Amino acid sequence: MTLSVKVVTEGQLAQWDSYVDAHPDATFFHRAGWYRVILQSFGHQPYYLGAFTADDQLKGILPLFENKSFLFGHFLVSQPFCMYGGAIADSDEIRLQLEDSAVSLAEQLSVDHLELRTIKGQRDGWPVKSVHSTFIRELADNDDANLALVKYKQRAVVRKSLKNDLVEEFPYRIDEFFYAYSTSVRNLGTPIFPRNYF
């Protein structure tokens, strides 16, 4: 099968999400919504690579953004501000083709480095930097079964909190949220994401 790897247009993002929804290795961070969020909030240039057949069937994807930072340098990364987002494809051969295209793009853009964020390492011989831990667990259909999965001491704390008749609300009050978020993050000494990110 002959494939061509090309940058996906905004008009093809619905096709991108259909591919993500159907792929077993896809994560929330592969979704096309990040294209607009990161571009509009941070101004990082997206390069969403797609492996297409001659009749425009999508067979693999790799979301990338070009970052230019005074502090961190000039680099190409699969999903900045996200945990994962590396190449996913119908086969290892297609995934390798997408990664090779990312390397070519990195050379073309003259970036300092290329960073592919994946749950597991993709290629032998490529450097691996592990700064996060991954915890993946299926959720049961009922609360009692999910609570049983929590360790004993933490389960006691959860049970105690359930007796307090707490109520959850999800009002859209960006000003209140952003004040609480920015104050907390600033106090930790961490840079604050811009308000329009939220």
N, C-alpha and C. Protein backbone atom coordinates (compact mmCIF):
# COMPACT_ATOMS: atom_id res chain seq x y z
N MET A 1 0.85 -1.18 0.00
CA MET A 1 0.00 0.00 0.00
C MET A 1 0.89 1.24 0.00
N THR A 2 0.65 2.14 -0.94
CA THR A 2 1.42 3.37 -1.02
C THR A 2 0.72 4.45 -0.22
N LEU A 3 1.47 5.06 0.70
CA LEU A 3 0.92 6.10 1.54
C LEU A 3 1.71 7.38 1.36
N SER A 4 1.06 8.51 1.55
CA SER A 4 1.76 9.78 1.58
C SER A 4 1.48 10.43 2.93
N VAL A 5 2.52 10.98 3.53
CA VAL A 5 2.36 11.70 4.80
C VAL A 5 2.32 13.17 4.48
N LYS A 6 1.26 13.82 4.95
CA LYS A 6 1.12 15.25 4.71
C LYS A 6 0.50 15.93 5.93
N VAL A 7 0.64 17.25 5.96
CA VAL A 7 0.05 18.02 7.05
C VAL A 7 -1.45 18.11 6.83
N VAL A 8 -2.20 17.75 7.85
CA VAL A 8 -3.66 17.76 7.81
C VAL A 8 -4.16 19.20 7.86
N THR A 9 -5.16 19.50 7.08
CA THR A 9 -5.77 20.83 7.10
C THR A 9 -6.86 20.89 8.16
N GLU A 10 -7.27 22.11 8.52
CA GLU A 10 -8.36 22.24 9.51
C GLU A 10 -9.63 21.56 9.02
N GLY A 11 -9.85 21.55 7.72
CA GLY A 11 -11.03 20.90 7.16
C GLY A 11 -11.01 19.38 7.30
N GLN A 12 -9.85 18.80 7.61
CA GLN A 12 -9.73 17.34 7.77
C GLN A 12 -9.74 16.91 9.23
N LEU A 13 -9.96 17.86 10.15
CA LEU A 13 -9.89 17.52 11.58
C LEU A 13 -11.04 16.60 12.02
N ALA A 14 -12.18 16.67 11.37
CA ALA A 14 -13.28 15.74 11.70
C ALA A 14 -12.87 14.31 11.33
N GLN A 15 -12.20 14.16 10.20
CA GLN A 15 -11.69 12.84 9.80
C GLN A 15 -10.63 12.37 10.79
N TRP A 16 -9.82 13.29 11.26
CA TRP A 16 -8.79 12.99 12.27
C TRP A 16 -9.45 12.42 13.53
N ASP A 17 -10.49 13.11 14.03
CA ASP A 17 -11.16 12.64 15.25
C ASP A 17 -11.86 11.30 15.05
N SER A 18 -12.39 11.06 13.88
CA SER A 18 -12.99 9.75 13.59
C SER A 18 -11.93 8.66 13.70
N TYR A 19 -10.73 8.95 13.21
CA TYR A 19 -9.64 7.98 13.31
C TYR A 19 -9.26 7.76 14.77
N VAL A 20 -9.16 8.84 15.54
CA VAL A 20 -8.82 8.74 16.96
C VAL A 20 -9.87 7.92 17.70
N ASP A 21 -11.14 8.18 17.44
CA ASP A 21 -12.22 7.46 18.12
C ASP A 21 -12.17 5.96 17.87
N ALA A 22 -11.66 5.56 16.71
CA ALA A 22 -11.65 4.14 16.34
C ALA A 22 -10.35 3.43 16.69
N HIS A 23 -9.31 4.16 17.07
CA HIS A 23 -8.00 3.53 17.28
C HIS A 23 -7.81 3.11 18.74
N PRO A 24 -7.41 1.86 19.00
CA PRO A 24 -7.29 1.38 20.38
C PRO A 24 -6.17 2.05 21.19
N ASP A 25 -5.16 2.61 20.53
CA ASP A 25 -4.05 3.24 21.25
C ASP A 25 -4.20 4.75 21.39
N ALA A 26 -5.29 5.29 20.89
CA ALA A 26 -5.50 6.74 20.96
C ALA A 26 -5.79 7.17 22.39
N THR A 27 -5.40 8.40 22.71
CA THR A 27 -5.68 8.98 24.02
C THR A 27 -6.48 10.27 23.82
N PHE A 28 -6.97 10.80 24.90
CA PHE A 28 -7.67 12.09 24.90
C PHE A 28 -6.79 13.16 24.25
N PHE A 29 -5.49 13.04 24.42
CA PHE A 29 -4.56 14.05 23.92
C PHE A 29 -4.34 13.97 22.40
N HIS A 30 -4.83 12.93 21.77
CA HIS A 30 -4.76 12.84 20.31
C HIS A 30 -5.91 13.60 19.64
N ARG A 31 -6.92 13.99 20.39
CA ARG A 31 -8.11 14.61 19.79
C ARG A 31 -7.76 15.93 19.11
N ALA A 32 -8.47 16.23 18.06
CA ALA A 32 -8.19 17.41 17.23
C ALA A 32 -8.45 18.73 17.94
N GLY A 33 -9.24 18.73 18.99
CA GLY A 33 -9.52 19.98 19.71
C GLY A 33 -8.27 20.67 20.22
N TRP A 34 -7.23 19.90 20.50
CA TRP A 34 -5.97 20.49 20.98
C TRP A 34 -5.34 21.38 19.92
N TYR A 35 -5.61 21.10 18.66
CA TYR A 35 -5.08 21.90 17.55
C TYR A 35 -5.43 23.38 17.78
N ARG A 36 -6.72 23.64 17.99
CA ARG A 36 -7.17 25.02 18.16
C ARG A 36 -6.79 25.58 19.53
N VAL A 37 -6.91 24.77 20.58
CA VAL A 37 -6.61 25.25 21.93
C VAL A 37 -5.16 25.74 22.02
N ILE A 38 -4.23 24.93 21.56
CA ILE A 38 -2.81 25.29 21.70
C ILE A 38 -2.43 26.41 20.73
N LEU A 39 -2.97 26.38 19.52
CA LEU A 39 -2.68 27.45 18.56
C LEU A 39 -3.23 28.79 19.07
N GLN A 40 -4.48 28.81 19.52
CA GLN A 40 -5.10 30.07 19.93
C GLN A 40 -4.60 30.56 21.28
N SER A 41 -4.29 29.66 22.20
CA SER A 41 -3.88 30.07 23.54
C SER A 41 -2.40 30.40 23.63
N PHE A 42 -1.57 29.68 22.88
CA PHE A 42 -0.13 29.84 23.02
C PHE A 42 0.57 30.27 21.74
N GLY A 43 -0.13 30.18 20.62
CA GLY A 43 0.45 30.59 19.35
C GLY A 43 1.44 29.61 18.75
N HIS A 44 1.51 28.39 19.28
CA HIS A 44 2.42 27.38 18.73
C HIS A 44 1.87 26.86 17.40
N GLN A 45 2.72 26.79 16.41
CA GLN A 45 2.31 26.36 15.06
C GLN A 45 2.05 24.86 15.02
N PRO A 46 0.83 24.44 14.65
CA PRO A 46 0.54 23.00 14.57
C PRO A 46 1.00 22.40 13.24
N TYR A 47 1.48 21.17 13.33
CA TYR A 47 1.79 20.34 12.15
C TYR A 47 1.19 18.98 12.44
N TYR A 48 -0.08 18.80 12.12
CA TYR A 48 -0.73 17.52 12.35
C TYR A 48 -0.48 16.64 11.13
N LEU A 49 0.37 15.64 11.30
CA LEU A 49 0.74 14.76 10.20
C LEU A 49 -0.24 13.61 10.08
N GLY A 50 -0.67 13.35 8.85
CA GLY A 50 -1.55 12.23 8.58
C GLY A 50 -0.96 11.37 7.48
N ALA A 51 -1.07 10.05 7.62
CA ALA A 51 -0.65 9.11 6.58
C ALA A 51 -1.90 8.73 5.79
N PHE A 52 -1.92 9.10 4.51
CA PHE A 52 -3.11 8.93 3.67
C PHE A 52 -2.84 7.95 2.54
N THR A 53 -3.88 7.18 2.19
CA THR A 53 -3.85 6.35 0.99
C THR A 53 -4.12 7.25 -0.22
N ALA A 54 -4.01 6.69 -1.41
CA ALA A 54 -4.26 7.46 -2.64
C ALA A 54 -5.69 8.00 -2.69
N ASP A 55 -6.65 7.27 -2.07
CA ASP A 55 -8.03 7.76 -2.06
C ASP A 55 -8.39 8.50 -0.76
N ASP A 56 -7.37 9.07 -0.09
CA ASP A 56 -7.53 9.93 1.08
C ASP A 56 -8.09 9.24 2.32
N GLN A 57 -7.84 7.94 2.47
CA GLN A 57 -8.19 7.23 3.71
C GLN A 57 -7.05 7.45 4.70
N LEU A 58 -7.39 7.84 5.92
CA LEU A 58 -6.39 8.10 6.96
C LEU A 58 -5.97 6.79 7.60
N LYS A 59 -4.66 6.54 7.64
CA LYS A 59 -4.14 5.27 8.17
C LYS A 59 -3.20 5.47 9.36
N GLY A 60 -2.96 6.72 9.74
CA GLY A 60 -2.12 7.00 10.89
C GLY A 60 -2.01 8.49 11.11
N ILE A 61 -1.73 8.88 12.37
CA ILE A 61 -1.65 10.30 12.71
C ILE A 61 -0.49 10.57 13.67
N LEU A 62 0.00 11.79 13.63
CA LEU A 62 1.02 12.26 14.57
C LEU A 62 0.84 13.76 14.76
N PRO A 63 0.29 14.19 15.91
CA PRO A 63 0.11 15.62 16.16
C PRO A 63 1.42 16.25 16.63
N LEU A 64 1.82 17.36 16.02
CA LEU A 64 3.07 18.05 16.39
C LEU A 64 2.82 19.55 16.48
N PHE A 65 3.59 20.21 17.33
CA PHE A 65 3.58 21.66 17.43
C PHE A 65 5.01 22.16 17.48
N GLU A 66 5.25 23.26 16.79
CA GLU A 66 6.56 23.93 16.84
C GLU A 66 6.52 24.94 17.98
N ASN A 67 7.42 24.79 18.92
CA ASN A 67 7.51 25.69 20.07
C ASN A 67 8.77 26.52 19.97
N LYS A 68 8.62 27.81 20.17
CA LYS A 68 9.75 28.72 20.23
C LYS A 68 9.68 29.41 21.58
N SER A 69 10.61 29.08 22.46
CA SER A 69 10.57 29.59 23.83
C SER A 69 11.93 30.16 24.21
N PHE A 70 11.90 31.33 24.82
CA PHE A 70 13.13 31.94 25.31
C PHE A 70 13.80 31.04 26.35
N LEU A 71 12.98 30.40 27.19
CA LEU A 71 13.52 29.55 28.26
C LEU A 71 13.90 28.15 27.78
N PHE A 72 13.07 27.54 26.92
CA PHE A 72 13.24 26.14 26.59
C PHE A 72 13.77 25.88 25.18
N GLY A 73 13.92 26.92 24.39
CA GLY A 73 14.49 26.75 23.06
C GLY A 73 13.46 26.56 21.97
N HIS A 74 13.94 26.10 20.84
CA HIS A 74 13.11 25.90 19.64
C HIS A 74 13.01 24.40 19.41
N PHE A 75 11.82 23.85 19.52
CA PHE A 75 11.67 22.40 19.38
C PHE A 75 10.31 22.03 18.80
N LEU A 76 10.22 20.80 18.35
CA LEU A 76 9.00 20.23 17.79
C LEU A 76 8.54 19.14 18.75
N VAL A 77 7.28 19.22 19.19
CA VAL A 77 6.80 18.29 20.22
C VAL A 77 5.40 17.80 19.87
N SER A 78 5.17 16.52 20.19
CA SER A 78 3.82 15.98 20.02
C SER A 78 3.02 16.33 21.28
N GLN A 79 2.16 17.29 21.12
CA GLN A 79 1.23 17.76 22.14
C GLN A 79 1.89 18.42 23.36
N PRO A 80 2.30 19.68 23.23
CA PRO A 80 2.79 20.41 24.40
C PRO A 80 1.68 20.56 25.43
N PHE A 81 2.06 20.62 26.69
CA PHE A 81 1.13 20.77 27.82
C PHE A 81 0.25 19.54 28.01
N CYS A 82 0.54 18.46 27.31
CA CYS A 82 -0.24 17.22 27.41
C CYS A 82 0.72 16.07 27.73
N MET A 83 0.17 15.01 28.29
CA MET A 83 0.99 13.87 28.67
C MET A 83 1.41 13.03 27.46
N TYR A 84 0.50 12.81 26.53
CA TYR A 84 0.76 11.91 25.42
C TYR A 84 0.31 12.53 24.11
N GLY A 85 0.57 11.85 23.03
CA GLY A 85 0.16 12.34 21.73
C GLY A 85 1.10 11.90 20.63
N GLY A 86 1.84 10.84 20.82
CA GLY A 86 2.74 10.34 19.78
C GLY A 86 1.99 9.71 18.62
N ALA A 87 2.74 9.14 17.69
CA ALA A 87 2.15 8.55 16.49
C ALA A 87 1.32 7.32 16.83
N ILE A 88 0.15 7.23 16.21
CA ILE A 88 -0.66 6.01 16.24
C ILE A 88 -1.02 5.69 14.80
N ALA A 89 -1.05 4.41 14.47
CA ALA A 89 -1.26 4.05 13.07
C ALA A 89 -1.84 2.64 12.98
N ASP A 90 -2.23 2.29 11.76
CA ASP A 90 -2.78 0.96 11.51
C ASP A 90 -1.72 -0.12 11.58
N SER A 91 -0.44 0.25 11.44
CA SER A 91 0.64 -0.73 11.51
C SER A 91 1.91 -0.05 11.99
N ASP A 92 2.87 -0.85 12.45
CA ASP A 92 4.16 -0.31 12.87
C ASP A 92 4.88 0.36 11.71
N GLU A 93 4.72 -0.19 10.53
CA GLU A 93 5.36 0.38 9.35
C GLU A 93 4.86 1.80 9.09
N ILE A 94 3.57 2.02 9.23
CA ILE A 94 3.00 3.36 9.01
C ILE A 94 3.44 4.29 10.13
N ARG A 95 3.46 3.79 11.37
CA ARG A 95 3.92 4.61 12.50
C ARG A 95 5.35 5.08 12.27
N LEU A 96 6.22 4.16 11.81
CA LEU A 96 7.61 4.52 11.53
C LEU A 96 7.70 5.57 10.42
N GLN A 97 6.83 5.45 9.43
CA GLN A 97 6.81 6.43 8.34
C GLN A 97 6.42 7.81 8.88
N LEU A 98 5.46 7.86 9.79
CA LEU A 98 5.06 9.13 10.40
C LEU A 98 6.22 9.71 11.23
N GLU A 99 6.89 8.87 12.00
CA GLU A 99 8.01 9.34 12.81
C GLU A 99 9.16 9.83 11.93
N ASP A 100 9.42 9.13 10.82
CA ASP A 100 10.46 9.59 9.88
C ASP A 100 10.09 10.95 9.30
N SER A 101 8.81 11.15 9.02
CA SER A 101 8.35 12.44 8.50
C SER A 101 8.51 13.54 9.56
N ALA A 102 8.31 13.19 10.83
CA ALA A 102 8.50 14.16 11.91
C ALA A 102 9.98 14.56 12.00
N VAL A 103 10.87 13.58 11.83
CA VAL A 103 12.31 13.87 11.85
C VAL A 103 12.65 14.81 10.69
N SER A 104 12.12 14.53 9.51
CA SER A 104 12.36 15.39 8.34
C SER A 104 11.84 16.81 8.58
N LEU A 105 10.65 16.91 9.18
CA LEU A 105 10.09 18.22 9.49
C LEU A 105 10.95 18.96 10.50
N ALA A 106 11.43 18.24 11.51
CA ALA A 106 12.31 18.86 12.52
C ALA A 106 13.57 19.41 11.87
N GLU A 107 14.14 18.67 10.93
CA GLU A 107 15.34 19.14 10.22
C GLU A 107 15.00 20.35 9.36
N GLN A 108 13.86 20.31 8.69
CA GLN A 108 13.43 21.42 7.83
C GLN A 108 13.22 22.70 8.65
N LEU A 109 12.67 22.57 9.86
CA LEU A 109 12.42 23.72 10.72
C LEU A 109 13.65 24.14 11.53
N SER A 110 14.71 23.34 11.46
CA SER A 110 15.96 23.60 12.19
C SER A 110 15.73 23.74 13.70
N VAL A 111 14.93 22.83 14.25
CA VAL A 111 14.67 22.87 15.69
C VAL A 111 15.83 22.24 16.46
N ASP A 112 15.88 22.54 17.75
CA ASP A 112 16.93 21.99 18.61
C ASP A 112 16.71 20.50 18.88
N HIS A 113 15.44 20.10 18.99
CA HIS A 113 15.15 18.68 19.21
C HIS A 113 13.69 18.38 18.85
N LEU A 114 13.42 17.09 18.70
CA LEU A 114 12.08 16.57 18.45
C LEU A 114 11.70 15.73 19.66
N GLU A 115 10.52 15.98 20.21
CA GLU A 115 10.04 15.24 21.39
C GLU A 115 8.72 14.57 21.07
N LEU A 116 8.69 13.24 21.12
CA LEU A 116 7.47 12.48 20.88
C LEU A 116 7.00 11.92 22.21
N ARG A 117 5.84 12.35 22.66
CA ARG A 117 5.31 11.93 23.96
C ARG A 117 4.40 10.72 23.76
N THR A 118 4.87 9.59 24.25
CA THR A 118 4.14 8.34 24.07
C THR A 118 4.02 7.61 25.40
N ILE A 119 3.07 6.71 25.49
CA ILE A 119 2.91 5.91 26.71
C ILE A 119 4.07 4.94 26.85
N LYS A 120 4.52 4.37 25.75
CA LYS A 120 5.67 3.47 25.78
C LYS A 120 6.65 3.89 24.70
N GLY A 121 7.92 3.56 24.90
CA GLY A 121 8.94 3.92 23.92
C GLY A 121 8.61 3.37 22.55
N GLN A 122 8.94 4.10 21.52
CA GLN A 122 8.57 3.70 20.17
C GLN A 122 9.72 3.04 19.41
N ARG A 123 10.93 3.55 19.54
CA ARG A 123 12.03 3.06 18.71
C ARG A 123 13.25 2.72 19.54
N ASP A 124 13.89 1.62 19.19
CA ASP A 124 15.16 1.28 19.82
C ASP A 124 16.20 2.31 19.39
N GLY A 125 17.04 2.70 20.33
CA GLY A 125 18.12 3.62 20.01
C GLY A 125 17.77 5.08 20.16
N TRP A 126 16.50 5.41 20.26
CA TRP A 126 16.13 6.80 20.49
C TRP A 126 16.18 7.07 21.99
N PRO A 127 16.67 8.24 22.39
CA PRO A 127 16.72 8.54 23.83
C PRO A 127 15.31 8.61 24.42
N VAL A 128 15.21 8.20 25.68
CA VAL A 128 13.93 8.20 26.39
C VAL A 128 14.09 9.04 27.65
N LYS A 129 13.15 9.94 27.87
CA LYS A 129 13.12 10.74 29.09
C LYS A 129 11.78 10.45 29.76
N SER A 130 11.84 9.91 30.97
CA SER A 130 10.60 9.54 31.66
C SER A 130 10.42 10.44 32.88
N VAL A 131 9.51 11.40 32.78
CA VAL A 131 9.28 12.33 33.88
C VAL A 131 7.88 12.20 34.47
N HIS A 132 7.06 11.33 33.89
CA HIS A 132 5.70 11.13 34.37
C HIS A 132 5.44 9.64 34.57
N SER A 133 4.48 9.35 35.43
CA SER A 133 4.04 7.98 35.62
C SER A 133 2.66 7.81 35.00
N THR A 134 2.40 6.64 34.50
CA THR A 134 1.11 6.37 33.87
C THR A 134 0.34 5.37 34.71
N PHE A 135 -0.90 5.71 35.03
CA PHE A 135 -1.78 4.80 35.74
C PHE A 135 -3.05 4.68 34.92
N ILE A 136 -3.30 3.51 34.40
CA ILE A 136 -4.48 3.28 33.58
C ILE A 136 -5.29 2.15 34.21
N ARG A 137 -6.57 2.40 34.41
CA ARG A 137 -7.44 1.38 35.00
C ARG A 137 -8.83 1.52 34.41
N GLU A 138 -9.43 0.40 34.11
CA GLU A 138 -10.81 0.40 33.64
C GLU A 138 -11.72 0.77 34.82
N LEU A 139 -12.76 1.53 34.57
CA LEU A 139 -13.73 1.87 35.60
C LEU A 139 -14.93 0.94 35.48
N ALA A 140 -15.40 0.52 36.64
CA ALA A 140 -16.58 -0.36 36.67
C ALA A 140 -17.84 0.47 36.45
N ASP A 141 -18.95 -0.21 36.24
CA ASP A 141 -20.22 0.46 35.99
C ASP A 141 -20.90 0.96 37.25
N ASN A 142 -20.41 0.57 38.45
CA ASN A 142 -21.07 1.01 39.67
C ASN A 142 -20.05 1.53 40.68
N ASP A 143 -20.54 2.41 41.57
CA ASP A 143 -19.68 3.09 42.53
C ASP A 143 -19.01 2.13 43.51
N ASP A 144 -19.74 1.12 43.99
CA ASP A 144 -19.18 0.19 44.99
C ASP A 144 -17.98 -0.57 44.42
N ALA A 145 -18.08 -1.01 43.18
CA ALA A 145 -16.97 -1.73 42.56
C ALA A 145 -15.76 -0.82 42.38
N ASN A 146 -15.98 0.43 42.02
CA ASN A 146 -14.87 1.38 41.88
C ASN A 146 -14.25 1.70 43.23
N LEU A 147 -15.08 1.84 44.25
CA LEU A 147 -14.56 2.11 45.59
C LEU A 147 -13.74 0.94 46.11
N ALA A 148 -14.11 -0.26 45.75
CA ALA A 148 -13.36 -1.45 46.18
C ALA A 148 -11.95 -1.48 45.60
N LEU A 149 -11.72 -0.75 44.51
CA LEU A 149 -10.39 -0.70 43.89
C LEU A 149 -9.44 0.24 44.61
N VAL A 150 -9.99 1.10 45.49
CA VAL A 150 -9.18 2.05 46.25
C VAL A 150 -8.57 1.34 47.45
N LYS A 151 -7.31 1.67 47.75
CA LYS A 151 -6.64 1.04 48.90
C LYS A 151 -7.41 1.33 50.19
N TYR A 152 -7.25 0.43 51.17
CA TYR A 152 -8.07 0.43 52.38
C TYR A 152 -8.11 1.79 53.08
N LYS A 153 -6.94 2.39 53.39
CA LYS A 153 -6.93 3.65 54.15
C LYS A 153 -7.56 4.78 53.35
N GLN A 154 -7.26 4.85 52.07
CA GLN A 154 -7.86 5.89 51.24
C GLN A 154 -9.37 5.67 51.10
N ARG A 155 -9.77 4.40 51.06
CA ARG A 155 -11.19 4.07 50.95
C ARG A 155 -11.95 4.60 52.16
N ALA A 156 -11.34 4.50 53.34
CA ALA A 156 -11.97 5.00 54.57
C ALA A 156 -12.16 6.52 54.49
N VAL A 157 -11.19 7.21 53.94
CA VAL A 157 -11.30 8.66 53.78
C VAL A 157 -12.41 9.00 52.79
N VAL A 158 -12.47 8.25 51.70
CA VAL A 158 -13.53 8.49 50.71
C VAL A 158 -14.89 8.24 51.32
N ARG A 159 -15.03 7.13 52.06
CA ARG A 159 -16.33 6.82 52.69
C ARG A 159 -16.75 7.93 53.67
N LYS A 160 -15.77 8.45 54.42
CA LYS A 160 -16.07 9.54 55.37
C LYS A 160 -16.56 10.78 54.62
N SER A 161 -15.92 11.09 53.50
CA SER A 161 -16.34 12.27 52.74
C SER A 161 -17.73 12.09 52.14
N LEU A 162 -18.09 10.85 51.80
CA LEU A 162 -19.41 10.60 51.22
C LEU A 162 -20.54 10.86 52.22
N LYS A 163 -20.22 10.82 53.52
CA LYS A 163 -21.22 11.06 54.56
C LYS A 163 -21.48 12.54 54.79
N ASN A 164 -20.71 13.42 54.15
CA ASN A 164 -20.83 14.86 54.39
C ASN A 164 -21.82 15.56 53.47
N ASP A 165 -22.56 14.82 52.67
CA ASP A 165 -23.55 15.40 51.77
C ASP A 165 -22.98 16.53 50.91
N LEU A 166 -21.78 16.30 50.38
CA LEU A 166 -21.17 17.29 49.50
C LEU A 166 -21.92 17.33 48.18
N VAL A 167 -21.95 18.49 47.57
CA VAL A 167 -22.64 18.69 46.31
C VAL A 167 -21.61 19.19 45.30
N GLU A 168 -21.65 18.64 44.11
CA GLU A 168 -20.75 19.11 43.07
C GLU A 168 -21.50 19.99 42.09
N GLU A 169 -20.84 21.05 41.66
CA GLU A 169 -21.42 21.96 40.69
C GLU A 169 -20.37 22.25 39.64
N PHE A 170 -20.82 22.50 38.43
CA PHE A 170 -19.91 22.84 37.34
C PHE A 170 -20.37 24.13 36.67
N PRO A 171 -20.46 25.22 37.44
CA PRO A 171 -20.85 26.48 36.81
C PRO A 171 -19.69 27.02 35.98
N TYR A 172 -20.01 27.73 34.94
CA TYR A 172 -18.96 28.30 34.10
C TYR A 172 -18.69 29.73 34.58
N ARG A 173 -17.81 29.83 35.56
CA ARG A 173 -17.42 31.13 36.10
C ARG A 173 -15.91 31.25 35.95
N ILE A 174 -15.48 31.63 34.77
CA ILE A 174 -14.06 31.64 34.44
C ILE A 174 -13.27 32.59 35.34
N ASP A 175 -13.85 33.74 35.71
CA ASP A 175 -13.11 34.70 36.53
C ASP A 175 -12.78 34.12 37.90
N GLU A 176 -13.75 33.47 38.55
CA GLU A 176 -13.51 32.87 39.85
C GLU A 176 -12.50 31.72 39.74
N PHE A 177 -12.69 30.89 38.73
CA PHE A 177 -11.77 29.78 38.54
C PHE A 177 -10.35 30.28 38.29
N PHE A 178 -10.21 31.25 37.38
CA PHE A 178 -8.88 31.71 37.00
C PHE A 178 -8.16 32.38 38.17
N TYR A 179 -8.90 33.10 39.00
CA TYR A 179 -8.30 33.71 40.19
C TYR A 179 -7.74 32.63 41.12
N ALA A 180 -8.56 31.60 41.40
CA ALA A 180 -8.11 30.52 42.29
C ALA A 180 -6.93 29.76 41.67
N TYR A 181 -7.04 29.45 40.39
CA TYR A 181 -5.96 28.72 39.70
C TYR A 181 -4.67 29.53 39.69
N SER A 182 -4.72 30.78 39.23
CA SER A 182 -3.50 31.57 39.06
C SER A 182 -2.84 31.87 40.39
N THR A 183 -3.63 32.09 41.44
CA THR A 183 -3.06 32.33 42.76
C THR A 183 -2.35 31.08 43.27
N SER A 184 -2.99 29.94 43.13
CA SER A 184 -2.39 28.69 43.58
C SER A 184 -1.11 28.36 42.83
N VAL A 185 -1.16 28.47 41.51
CA VAL A 185 0.00 28.13 40.69
C VAL A 185 1.15 29.11 40.94
N ARG A 186 0.81 30.40 41.04
CA ARG A 186 1.84 31.41 41.33
C ARG A 186 2.52 31.11 42.66
N ASN A 187 1.74 30.73 43.68
CA ASN A 187 2.30 30.44 45.00
C ASN A 187 3.23 29.22 44.96
N LEU A 188 3.04 28.34 44.00
CA LEU A 188 3.92 27.19 43.83
C LEU A 188 5.16 27.53 43.01
N GLY A 189 5.18 28.74 42.44
CA GLY A 189 6.32 29.16 41.63
C GLY A 189 6.29 28.60 40.22
N THR A 190 5.11 28.21 39.76
CA THR A 190 4.96 27.63 38.42
C THR A 190 4.39 28.68 37.47
N PRO A 191 4.86 28.72 36.23
CA PRO A 191 4.27 29.66 35.27
C PRO A 191 2.79 29.40 35.08
N ILE A 192 2.04 30.45 34.86
CA ILE A 192 0.58 30.38 34.75
C ILE A 192 0.19 30.33 33.27
N PHE A 193 -0.71 29.40 32.93
CA PHE A 193 -1.25 29.37 31.58
C PHE A 193 -2.11 30.62 31.38
N PRO A 194 -2.19 31.15 30.17
CA PRO A 194 -3.00 32.34 29.94
C PRO A 194 -4.48 32.05 30.14
N ARG A 195 -5.23 33.10 30.48
CA ARG A 195 -6.65 32.97 30.77
C ARG A 195 -7.42 32.39 29.59
N ASN A 196 -7.06 32.76 28.35
CA ASN A 196 -7.82 32.28 27.19
C ASN A 196 -7.63 30.79 26.93
N TYR A 197 -6.64 30.15 27.59
CA TYR A 197 -6.47 28.70 27.50
C TYR A 197 -7.70 27.98 28.07
N PHE A 198 -8.29 28.59 29.09
CA PHE A 198 -9.43 27.96 29.77
C PHE A 198 -10.75 28.35 29.13
